[in-house]
Protein backbone atom coordinates (compact mmCIF):
# COMPACT_ATOMS: atom_id res chain seq x y z
CA MET A 1 157.60 -75.36 -74.31
CA ALA A 2 159.99 -74.30 -77.07
CA ALA A 3 160.83 -70.84 -78.29
CA SER A 4 160.94 -69.81 -81.94
CA ASP A 5 161.07 -66.24 -83.24
CA GLY A 6 160.54 -64.93 -79.70
CA LYS A 7 157.18 -66.70 -79.29
CA ALA A 8 156.63 -69.56 -76.88
CA GLU A 9 155.09 -72.72 -78.26
CA ILE A 10 153.34 -75.44 -76.30
CA THR A 11 154.68 -78.85 -77.34
CA THR A 12 152.33 -81.14 -75.43
CA SER A 13 148.76 -82.22 -76.04
CA ASP A 14 148.14 -83.46 -72.51
CA PRO A 15 145.12 -81.47 -71.18
CA ARG A 16 146.46 -81.31 -67.64
CA ALA A 17 149.84 -80.08 -68.80
CA LEU A 18 148.10 -77.50 -71.01
CA GLU A 19 146.02 -76.28 -68.04
CA ARG A 20 149.15 -75.94 -65.88
CA GLU A 21 150.95 -74.08 -68.68
CA VAL A 22 147.99 -71.68 -69.10
CA GLU A 23 147.95 -71.02 -65.35
CA VAL A 24 151.71 -70.38 -65.29
CA ARG A 25 151.46 -67.95 -68.18
CA ARG A 26 148.38 -66.26 -66.67
CA ALA A 27 150.26 -65.74 -63.39
CA ALA A 28 153.28 -64.35 -65.22
CA LEU A 29 151.10 -62.00 -67.24
CA ALA A 30 149.25 -60.83 -64.13
CA GLY A 31 152.57 -60.07 -62.45
CA THR A 32 153.75 -58.13 -65.48
CA ILE A 33 150.51 -56.12 -65.61
CA ASP A 34 150.77 -55.33 -61.86
CA GLU A 35 154.37 -54.17 -62.31
CA LEU A 36 153.47 -51.94 -65.28
CA THR A 37 150.50 -50.51 -63.43
CA ASP A 38 152.74 -49.60 -60.48
CA ARG A 39 155.43 -48.06 -62.74
CA LEU A 40 152.86 -45.93 -64.58
CA ALA A 41 150.95 -44.72 -61.51
CA PRO A 42 151.13 -40.91 -61.26
CA LYS A 43 152.29 -41.06 -57.61
CA THR A 44 155.11 -43.44 -58.50
CA ILE A 45 156.21 -41.29 -61.44
CA ALA A 46 156.15 -38.17 -59.25
CA ARG A 47 158.13 -39.91 -56.52
CA ARG A 48 160.78 -41.10 -59.01
CA SER A 49 160.98 -37.63 -60.59
CA PHE A 50 161.39 -35.93 -57.21
CA ALA A 51 164.06 -38.40 -56.15
CA ASP A 52 165.90 -37.83 -59.45
CA VAL A 53 165.81 -34.04 -59.07
CA ARG A 54 166.92 -34.26 -55.45
CA GLY A 55 169.82 -36.51 -56.48
CA ARG A 56 170.88 -34.16 -59.26
CA VAL A 57 170.79 -31.14 -56.94
CA HIS A 58 172.80 -33.02 -54.33
CA SER A 59 175.46 -34.12 -56.83
CA PHE A 60 175.62 -30.57 -58.21
CA THR A 61 176.16 -28.99 -54.80
CA PHE A 62 178.27 -31.63 -53.07
CA ASP A 63 181.39 -33.46 -54.24
CA HIS A 64 181.99 -37.22 -53.93
CA ARG A 65 183.43 -36.74 -50.40
CA GLY A 66 180.38 -34.79 -49.18
CA GLY A 67 182.05 -31.39 -49.27
CA LEU A 68 180.06 -28.38 -50.41
CA ARG A 69 180.97 -27.10 -53.87
CA VAL A 70 181.06 -23.44 -52.85
CA GLU A 71 181.88 -22.16 -56.36
CA ARG A 72 178.77 -23.82 -57.84
CA VAL A 73 176.49 -22.65 -55.03
CA ALA A 74 177.88 -19.11 -55.34
CA ALA A 75 177.44 -19.16 -59.12
CA VAL A 76 173.76 -20.14 -58.73
CA GLY A 77 173.29 -17.44 -56.10
CA VAL A 78 174.80 -14.81 -58.37
CA ALA A 79 172.63 -15.98 -61.28
CA VAL A 80 169.46 -15.82 -59.14
CA LEU A 81 170.45 -12.36 -57.89
CA GLY A 82 171.09 -11.21 -61.45
CA VAL A 83 167.74 -12.47 -62.75
CA THR A 84 165.93 -10.95 -59.78
CA THR A 85 167.63 -7.61 -60.33
CA PHE A 86 166.74 -7.70 -64.03
CA VAL A 87 163.07 -8.44 -63.31
CA VAL A 88 162.84 -5.69 -60.67
CA VAL A 89 164.54 -3.07 -62.88
CA ARG A 90 162.32 -3.99 -65.82
CA ALA A 91 159.18 -3.74 -63.67
CA VAL A 92 160.24 -0.34 -62.32
CA ARG A 93 160.92 0.99 -65.85
CA LYS A 94 157.53 -0.26 -67.09
CA ARG A 95 155.73 1.73 -64.37
CA ARG A 96 157.31 5.02 -65.50
């Protein structure tokens, strides 16, 4: 088998060798399809996404030594408190 322009060529005319080559390629293709099917499964995508978010939150809130980044956690707390206050004040003003 030789490669030219990214395509594999079969260089033998022996029927048995051709059958073996077809089986090898079929097995490789089946493995590739199984891998792609697993990667594109909704549960797998959700699991990867959740793990990514959890990792980002952890790296945002903890430093490389495992210590809590108090200033970041406090900043998020203040932001959440501010947004909550804004929403409550706006809702109270709308009722009047």
